[in-house]
């Protein structure tokens, strides 16, 4: 994996400043010199980081005033929008992310049933086995990693290169959500059963069955989210 550039690191830190409320929408970011000192970088690096946020619609440079944070409704980068809503949206953000997963992943499973290879099936089996092993060892991090890897194989097996791109920018937020729910042992038990169902449906080569299996997985995920995380 390529290392983040210093500009990207500073841009991410400035985005954090915005989403954690230190500089909310409508307010001015500190001057470049102050930000440079705060992050121990050059003013040029700060300026380039601000340009990154400008292209994402997060900030706007106003002549004679400074750099103002724009409303989240104008942001254009999906990862920035997801981070902002995840921090402030609470239950609504969690449900909306799951809605997005349902739309993308059900279609991906349907395509995967038609296009999967023997190698894809072997990878799905391997990751499902890793989920079981991590569950038995009470290894939440390992369980989440295997869970995400399983879904990545489904995306790849779909044969459509755009599928993974849709959820890729949300990886950090989605991983955090999975870690939150997978801390609960019953959630892991349910997830293993649902992933096994998805694997068998994809193996069958029946697109409708694969979509139905993934829909069932998303239904179970929603039920577990409401019961174990949202407290319903």
C-alpha atoms as a PDB file:
ATOM      1  CA  UNK A   1       0.000   0.000   0.000  1.00  0.00           C
ATOM      2  CA  UNK A   2       1.352   3.418  -0.942  1.00  0.00           C
ATOM      3  CA  UNK A   3       2.288   5.701   1.914  1.00  0.00           C
ATOM      4  CA  UNK A   4       0.210   8.810   2.401  1.00  0.00           C
ATOM      5  CA  UNK A   5       1.919  11.999   1.354  1.00  0.00           C
ATOM      6  CA  UNK A   6       2.465  14.709   3.941  1.00  0.00           C
ATOM      7  CA  UNK A   7      -0.130  16.819   2.135  1.00  0.00           C
ATOM      8  CA  UNK A   8      -2.704  14.039   2.482  1.00  0.00           C
ATOM      9  CA  UNK A   9      -1.875  13.618   6.172  1.00  0.00           C
ATOM     10  CA  UNK A  10      -2.393  17.326   6.840  1.00  0.00           C
ATOM     11  CA  UNK A  11      -5.583  17.389   4.739  1.00  0.00           C
ATOM     12  CA  UNK A  12      -6.954  14.484   6.791  1.00  0.00           C
ATOM     13  CA  UNK A  13      -6.040  16.267  10.025  1.00  0.00           C
ATOM     14  CA  UNK A  14      -7.789  19.445   8.881  1.00  0.00           C
ATOM     15  CA  UNK A  15     -10.865  17.432   7.952  1.00  0.00           C
ATOM     16  CA  UNK A  16     -10.796  15.944  11.456  1.00  0.00           C
ATOM     17  CA  UNK A  17     -10.706  19.484  12.857  1.00  0.00           C
ATOM     18  CA  UNK A  18     -13.891  20.209  10.938  1.00  0.00           C
ATOM     19  CA  UNK A  19     -15.855  17.046  11.707  1.00  0.00           C
ATOM     20  CA  UNK A  20     -14.959  17.014  15.405  1.00  0.00           C
ATOM     21  CA  UNK A  21     -16.384  20.524  15.754  1.00  0.00           C
ATOM     22  CA  UNK A  22     -13.259  22.545  16.413  1.00  0.00           C
ATOM     23  CA  UNK A  23     -13.890  24.497  13.202  1.00  0.00           C
ATOM     24  CA  UNK A  24     -17.483  23.758  12.137  1.00  0.00           C
ATOM     25  CA  UNK A  25     -19.133  24.808   8.859  1.00  0.00           C
ATOM     26  CA  UNK A  26     -19.402  28.571   8.514  1.00  0.00           C
ATOM     27  CA  UNK A  27     -16.294  29.252  10.591  1.00  0.00           C
ATOM     28  CA  UNK A  28     -12.800  30.209   9.451  1.00  0.00           C
ATOM     29  CA  UNK A  29      -9.859  27.849   9.703  1.00  0.00           C
ATOM     30  CA  UNK A  30      -6.806  29.324  11.448  1.00  0.00           C
ATOM     31  CA  UNK A  31      -4.288  31.165   9.211  1.00  0.00           C
ATOM     32  CA  UNK A  32      -1.823  29.086   7.202  1.00  0.00           C
ATOM     33  CA  UNK A  33       1.097  30.076   9.426  1.00  0.00           C
ATOM     34  CA  UNK A  34      -0.736  28.880  12.533  1.00  0.00           C
ATOM     35  CA  UNK A  35      -1.734  25.600  10.906  1.00  0.00           C
ATOM     36  CA  UNK A  36       1.822  25.055   9.679  1.00  0.00           C
ATOM     37  CA  UNK A  37       3.168  25.492  13.214  1.00  0.00           C
ATOM     38  CA  UNK A  38       0.467  23.246  14.659  1.00  0.00           C
ATOM     39  CA  UNK A  39       1.298  20.387  12.277  1.00  0.00           C
ATOM     40  CA  UNK A  40       5.046  21.099  12.083  1.00  0.00           C
ATOM     41  CA  UNK A  41       5.016  21.462   8.304  1.00  0.00           C
ATOM     42  CA  UNK A  42       5.701  24.234   5.826  1.00  0.00           C
ATOM     43  CA  UNK A  43       3.086  26.759   4.799  1.00  0.00           C
ATOM     44  CA  UNK A  44       3.333  25.327   1.292  1.00  0.00           C
ATOM     45  CA  UNK A  45       2.262  21.918   2.608  1.00  0.00           C
ATOM     46  CA  UNK A  46      -0.705  23.501   4.406  1.00  0.00           C
ATOM     47  CA  UNK A  47      -1.630  25.415   1.262  1.00  0.00           C
ATOM     48  CA  UNK A  48      -1.593  22.210  -0.802  1.00  0.00           C
ATOM     49  CA  UNK A  49      -3.658  20.415   1.854  1.00  0.00           C
ATOM     50  CA  UNK A  50      -6.232  23.192   1.723  1.00  0.00           C
ATOM     51  CA  UNK A  51      -6.374  22.798  -2.048  1.00  0.00           C
ATOM     52  CA  UNK A  52      -7.255  19.126  -1.528  1.00  0.00           C
ATOM     53  CA  UNK A  53     -10.129  20.128   0.726  1.00  0.00           C
ATOM     54  CA  UNK A  54     -11.201  22.781  -1.781  1.00  0.00           C
ATOM     55  CA  UNK A  55     -11.524  20.177  -4.524  1.00  0.00           C
ATOM     56  CA  UNK A  56     -13.720  18.151  -2.156  1.00  0.00           C
ATOM     57  CA  UNK A  57     -15.983  21.117  -1.490  1.00  0.00           C
ATOM     58  CA  UNK A  58     -15.066  21.139   2.211  1.00  0.00           C
ATOM     59  CA  UNK A  59     -13.545  24.637   2.317  1.00  0.00           C
ATOM     60  CA  UNK A  60     -13.573  27.813   0.282  1.00  0.00           C
ATOM     61  CA  UNK A  61     -10.909  30.504   0.189  1.00  0.00           C
ATOM     62  CA  UNK A  62     -12.528  33.925   0.410  1.00  0.00           C
ATOM     63  CA  UNK A  63     -10.331  36.846  -0.565  1.00  0.00           C
ATOM     64  CA  UNK A  64      -9.743  39.217   2.317  1.00  0.00           C
ATOM     65  CA  UNK A  65     -11.361  36.865   4.801  1.00  0.00           C
ATOM     66  CA  UNK A  66      -9.589  33.520   4.844  1.00  0.00           C
ATOM     67  CA  UNK A  67     -10.512  29.857   4.476  1.00  0.00           C
ATOM     68  CA  UNK A  68     -14.097  29.167   5.472  1.00  0.00           C
ATOM     69  CA  UNK A  69     -15.593  25.721   6.057  1.00  0.00           C
ATOM     70  CA  UNK A  70     -18.539  25.030   3.751  1.00  0.00           C
ATOM     71  CA  UNK A  71     -21.788  23.239   4.737  1.00  0.00           C
ATOM     72  CA  UNK A  72     -21.547  19.457   4.545  1.00  0.00           C
ATOM     73  CA  UNK A  73     -24.360  19.498   1.976  1.00  0.00           C
ATOM     74  CA  UNK A  74     -21.890  20.975  -0.537  1.00  0.00           C
ATOM     75  CA  UNK A  75     -19.107  18.426   0.035  1.00  0.00           C
ATOM     76  CA  UNK A  76     -18.341  16.206  -2.946  1.00  0.00           C
ATOM     77  CA  UNK A  77     -15.940  13.576  -1.544  1.00  0.00           C
ATOM     78  CA  UNK A  78     -17.816  10.504  -0.354  1.00  0.00           C
ATOM     79  CA  UNK A  79     -15.273   9.661   2.355  1.00  0.00           C
ATOM     80  CA  UNK A  80     -15.457  13.190   3.805  1.00  0.00           C
ATOM     81  CA  UNK A  81     -19.273  13.124   3.771  1.00  0.00           C
ATOM     82  CA  UNK A  82     -19.314   9.682   5.391  1.00  0.00           C
ATOM     83  CA  UNK A  83     -16.924  10.765   8.123  1.00  0.00           C
ATOM     84  CA  UNK A  84     -18.928  13.906   8.907  1.00  0.00           C
ATOM     85  CA  UNK A  85     -22.260  12.104   9.086  1.00  0.00           C
ATOM     86  CA  UNK A  86     -20.797   9.177  10.990  1.00  0.00           C
ATOM     87  CA  UNK A  87     -19.517  11.550  13.675  1.00  0.00           C
ATOM     88  CA  UNK A  88     -22.685  13.621  13.923  1.00  0.00           C
ATOM     89  CA  UNK A  89     -25.482  11.476  12.532  1.00  0.00           C
ATOM     90  CA  UNK A  90     -25.545   8.716  15.135  1.00  0.00           C
ATOM     91  CA  UNK A  91     -28.307   6.220  14.430  1.00  0.00           C
ATOM     92  CA  UNK A  92     -29.340   7.806  11.144  1.00  0.00           C
ATOM     93  CA  UNK A  93     -25.827   7.624   9.705  1.00  0.00           C
ATOM     94  CA  UNK A  94     -25.493   3.970  10.701  1.00  0.00           C
ATOM     95  CA  UNK A  95     -28.760   3.074   9.008  1.00  0.00           C
ATOM     96  CA  UNK A  96     -27.941   5.077   5.880  1.00  0.00           C
ATOM     97  CA  UNK A  97     -24.578   3.348   5.498  1.00  0.00           C
ATOM     98  CA  UNK A  98     -26.306  -0.006   5.761  1.00  0.00           C
ATOM     99  CA  UNK A  99     -28.830   1.087   3.117  1.00  0.00           C
ATOM    100  CA  UNK A 100     -25.922   1.860   0.786  1.00  0.00           C
ATOM    101  CA  UNK A 101     -24.296  -1.486   1.513  1.00  0.00           C
ATOM    102  CA  UNK A 102     -27.558  -3.267   0.747  1.00  0.00           C
ATOM    103  CA  UNK A 103     -27.914  -1.586  -2.649  1.00  0.00           C
ATOM    104  CA  UNK A 104     -24.343  -2.271  -3.718  1.00  0.00           C
ATOM    105  CA  UNK A 105     -23.659  -5.654  -2.147  1.00  0.00           C
ATOM    106  CA  UNK A 106     -26.885  -7.379  -3.174  1.00  0.00           C
ATOM    107  CA  UNK A 107     -26.185  -6.506  -6.796  1.00  0.00           C
ATOM    108  CA  UNK A 108     -22.560  -7.576  -6.426  1.00  0.00           C
ATOM    109  CA  UNK A 109     -23.594 -10.979  -5.099  1.00  0.00           C
ATOM    110  CA  UNK A 110     -26.029 -11.402  -7.970  1.00  0.00           C
ATOM    111  CA  UNK A 111     -23.258 -10.701 -10.483  1.00  0.00           C
ATOM    112  CA  UNK A 112     -20.762 -12.856  -8.593  1.00  0.00           C
ATOM    113  CA  UNK A 113     -22.993 -15.915  -8.922  1.00  0.00           C
ATOM    114  CA  UNK A 114     -22.814 -15.563 -12.686  1.00  0.00           C
ATOM    115  CA  UNK A 115     -19.117 -14.744 -12.982  1.00  0.00           C
ATOM    116  CA  UNK A 116     -17.299 -16.362 -10.031  1.00  0.00           C
ATOM    117  CA  UNK A 117     -14.378 -18.694 -10.648  1.00  0.00           C
ATOM    118  CA  UNK A 118     -13.167 -21.688  -8.667  1.00  0.00           C
ATOM    119  CA  UNK A 119     -10.423 -19.440  -7.298  1.00  0.00           C
ATOM    120  CA  UNK A 120     -13.045 -16.957  -6.062  1.00  0.00           C
ATOM    121  CA  UNK A 121     -14.930 -19.742  -4.283  1.00  0.00           C
ATOM    122  CA  UNK A 122     -11.713 -20.954  -2.662  1.00  0.00           C
ATOM    123  CA  UNK A 123     -11.012 -17.438  -1.393  1.00  0.00           C
ATOM    124  CA  UNK A 124     -14.536 -17.098   0.011  1.00  0.00           C
ATOM    125  CA  UNK A 125     -14.120 -20.444   1.799  1.00  0.00           C
ATOM    126  CA  UNK A 126     -10.765 -19.329   3.214  1.00  0.00           C
ATOM    127  CA  UNK A 127     -12.131 -16.079   4.600  1.00  0.00           C
ATOM    128  CA  UNK A 128     -15.200 -17.788   6.067  1.00  0.00           C
ATOM    129  CA  UNK A 129     -12.880 -20.270   7.802  1.00  0.00           C
ATOM    130  CA  UNK A 130     -10.842 -17.325   9.129  1.00  0.00           C
ATOM    131  CA  UNK A 131     -14.032 -15.786  10.532  1.00  0.00           C
ATOM    132  CA  UNK A 132     -14.794 -19.033  12.379  1.00  0.00           C
ATOM    133  CA  UNK A 133     -11.249 -19.278  13.719  1.00  0.00           C
ATOM    134  CA  UNK A 134     -11.275 -15.649  14.899  1.00  0.00           C
ATOM    135  CA  UNK A 135     -14.651 -16.153  16.552  1.00  0.00           C
ATOM    136  CA  UNK A 136     -13.398 -19.189  18.461  1.00  0.00           C
ATOM    137  CA  UNK A 137     -10.337 -17.183  19.574  1.00  0.00           C
ATOM    138  CA  UNK A 138     -12.409 -14.102  20.552  1.00  0.00           C
ATOM    139  CA  UNK A 139     -10.286 -12.143  18.064  1.00  0.00           C
ATOM    140  CA  UNK A 140     -12.531  -9.249  17.034  1.00  0.00           C
ATOM    141  CA  UNK A 141      -9.924  -7.581  14.811  1.00  0.00           C
ATOM    142  CA  UNK A 142      -9.237 -10.835  13.000  1.00  0.00           C
ATOM    143  CA  UNK A 143     -12.946 -11.480  12.598  1.00  0.00           C
ATOM    144  CA  UNK A 144     -13.546  -8.043  11.086  1.00  0.00           C
ATOM    145  CA  UNK A 145     -10.577  -8.390   8.734  1.00  0.00           C
ATOM    146  CA  UNK A 146     -11.866 -11.741   7.447  1.00  0.00           C
ATOM    147  CA  UNK A 147     -15.408 -10.352   7.131  1.00  0.00           C
ATOM    148  CA  UNK A 148     -14.225  -7.415   5.014  1.00  0.00           C
ATOM    149  CA  UNK A 149     -11.980  -9.673   2.916  1.00  0.00           C
ATOM    150  CA  UNK A 150     -14.954 -11.972   2.196  1.00  0.00           C
ATOM    151  CA  UNK A 151     -16.990  -9.075   0.830  1.00  0.00           C
ATOM    152  CA  UNK A 152     -14.016  -7.828  -1.187  1.00  0.00           C
ATOM    153  CA  UNK A 153     -13.893 -11.192  -2.957  1.00  0.00           C
ATOM    154  CA  UNK A 154     -17.609 -10.912  -3.771  1.00  0.00           C
ATOM    155  CA  UNK A 155     -16.934  -7.474  -5.287  1.00  0.00           C
ATOM    156  CA  UNK A 156     -14.055  -8.862  -7.356  1.00  0.00           C
ATOM    157  CA  UNK A 157     -16.051 -11.914  -8.414  1.00  0.00           C
ATOM    158  CA  UNK A 158     -18.832  -9.685  -9.734  1.00  0.00           C
ATOM    159  CA  UNK A 159     -16.638  -8.957 -12.745  1.00  0.00           C
ATOM    160  CA  UNK A 160     -17.546  -5.266 -12.556  1.00  0.00           C
ATOM    161  CA  UNK A 161     -14.547  -3.074 -11.616  1.00  0.00           C
ATOM    162  CA  UNK A 162     -16.788  -0.201 -10.554  1.00  0.00           C
ATOM    163  CA  UNK A 163     -18.459  -2.128  -7.725  1.00  0.00           C
ATOM    164  CA  UNK A 164     -15.557  -2.037  -5.272  1.00  0.00           C
ATOM    165  CA  UNK A 165     -14.828   1.587  -6.157  1.00  0.00           C
ATOM    166  CA  UNK A 166     -18.255   2.626  -4.849  1.00  0.00           C
ATOM    167  CA  UNK A 167     -17.537   1.456  -1.300  1.00  0.00           C
ATOM    168  CA  UNK A 168     -13.754   1.804  -1.285  1.00  0.00           C
ATOM    169  CA  UNK A 169     -13.716   5.413  -0.008  1.00  0.00           C
ATOM    170  CA  UNK A 170     -15.937   4.336   2.889  1.00  0.00           C
ATOM    171  CA  UNK A 171     -13.605   1.584   4.062  1.00  0.00           C
ATOM    172  CA  UNK A 172     -12.486   3.334   7.262  1.00  0.00           C
ATOM    173  CA  UNK A 173     -16.023   4.160   8.374  1.00  0.00           C
ATOM    174  CA  UNK A 174     -17.373   0.740   7.437  1.00  0.00           C
ATOM    175  CA  UNK A 175     -14.526  -0.994   9.280  1.00  0.00           C
ATOM    176  CA  UNK A 176     -15.274   1.044  12.396  1.00  0.00           C
ATOM    177  CA  UNK A 177     -18.945   0.074  12.166  1.00  0.00           C
ATOM    178  CA  UNK A 178     -18.087  -3.614  11.805  1.00  0.00           C
ATOM    179  CA  UNK A 179     -15.754  -3.428  14.806  1.00  0.00           C
ATOM    180  CA  UNK A 180     -18.555  -1.821  16.805  1.00  0.00           C
ATOM    181  CA  UNK A 181     -21.075  -4.557  16.044  1.00  0.00           C
ATOM    182  CA  UNK A 182     -18.669  -7.518  15.979  1.00  0.00           C
ATOM    183  CA  UNK A 183     -17.684  -6.952  19.600  1.00  0.00           C
ATOM    184  CA  UNK A 184     -20.953  -8.742  20.408  1.00  0.00           C
ATOM    185  CA  UNK A 185     -20.584 -12.525  20.255  1.00  0.00           C
ATOM    186  CA  UNK A 186     -24.124 -13.216  18.934  1.00  0.00           C
ATOM    187  CA  UNK A 187     -23.434 -10.869  16.026  1.00  0.00           C
ATOM    188  CA  UNK A 188     -20.426 -12.972  15.016  1.00  0.00           C
ATOM    189  CA  UNK A 189     -22.495 -16.168  15.195  1.00  0.00           C
ATOM    190  CA  UNK A 190     -25.160 -14.641  12.952  1.00  0.00           C
ATOM    191  CA  UNK A 191     -22.578 -13.224  10.549  1.00  0.00           C
ATOM    192  CA  UNK A 192     -20.888 -16.605  10.111  1.00  0.00           C
ATOM    193  CA  UNK A 193     -24.215 -18.240   9.267  1.00  0.00           C
ATOM    194  CA  UNK A 194     -25.160 -15.489   6.811  1.00  0.00           C
ATOM    195  CA  UNK A 195     -21.762 -15.527   5.092  1.00  0.00           C
ATOM    196  CA  UNK A 196     -22.035 -19.289   4.710  1.00  0.00           C
ATOM    197  CA  UNK A 197     -25.393 -18.755   3.017  1.00  0.00           C
ATOM    198  CA  UNK A 198     -23.910 -16.194   0.639  1.00  0.00           C
ATOM    199  CA  UNK A 199     -21.048 -18.545  -0.226  1.00  0.00           C
ATOM    200  CA  UNK A 200     -23.373 -21.417  -1.075  1.00  0.00           C
ATOM    201  CA  UNK A 201     -25.650 -19.195  -3.151  1.00  0.00           C
ATOM    202  CA  UNK A 202     -22.699 -17.812  -5.121  1.00  0.00           C
ATOM    203  CA  UNK A 203     -21.364 -21.360  -5.547  1.00  0.00           C
ATOM    204  CA  UNK A 204     -24.743 -22.457  -6.949  1.00  0.00           C
ATOM    205  CA  UNK A 205     -24.406 -20.049  -9.864  1.00  0.00           C
ATOM    206  CA  UNK A 206     -27.972 -18.809  -9.293  1.00  0.00           C
ATOM    207  CA  UNK A 207     -27.945 -14.970  -9.419  1.00  0.00           C
ATOM    208  CA  UNK A 208     -31.394 -14.633  -7.808  1.00  0.00           C
ATOM    209  CA  UNK A 209     -30.405 -16.917  -4.942  1.00  0.00           C
ATOM    210  CA  UNK A 210     -27.187 -15.002  -4.395  1.00  0.00           C
ATOM    211  CA  UNK A 211     -29.038 -11.682  -4.253  1.00  0.00           C
ATOM    212  CA  UNK A 212     -31.533 -13.184  -1.814  1.00  0.00           C
ATOM    213  CA  UNK A 213     -28.724 -14.544   0.375  1.00  0.00           C
ATOM    214  CA  UNK A 214     -27.002 -11.169   0.522  1.00  0.00           C
ATOM    215  CA  UNK A 215     -30.336  -9.467   1.260  1.00  0.00           C
ATOM    216  CA  UNK A 216     -30.776 -11.907   4.137  1.00  0.00           C
ATOM    217  CA  UNK A 217     -27.301 -10.991   5.390  1.00  0.00           C
ATOM    218  CA  UNK A 218     -28.144  -7.278   5.256  1.00  0.00           C
ATOM    219  CA  UNK A 219     -31.460  -7.931   7.071  1.00  0.00           C
ATOM    220  CA  UNK A 220     -29.605  -9.782   9.825  1.00  0.00           C
ATOM    221  CA  UNK A 221     -26.990  -7.024  10.025  1.00  0.00           C
ATOM    222  CA  UNK A 222     -29.753  -4.443  10.444  1.00  0.00           C
ATOM    223  CA  UNK A 223     -31.430  -6.508  13.155  1.00  0.00           C
ATOM    224  CA  UNK A 224     -28.124  -6.959  15.001  1.00  0.00           C
ATOM    225  CA  UNK A 225     -27.315  -3.263  14.672  1.00  0.00           C
ATOM    226  CA  UNK A 226     -30.644  -2.292  16.199  1.00  0.00           C
ATOM    227  CA  UNK A 227     -30.508  -4.861  18.972  1.00  0.00           C
ATOM    228  CA  UNK A 228     -26.877  -4.780  20.063  1.00  0.00           C
ATOM    229  CA  UNK A 229     -25.685  -1.275  19.124  1.00  0.00           C
ATOM    230  CA  UNK A 230     -28.666   1.046  18.880  1.00  0.00           C
ATOM    231  CA  UNK A 231     -30.371  -0.598  21.835  1.00  0.00           C
ATOM    232  CA  UNK A 232     -33.740  -1.391  20.292  1.00  0.00           C
END
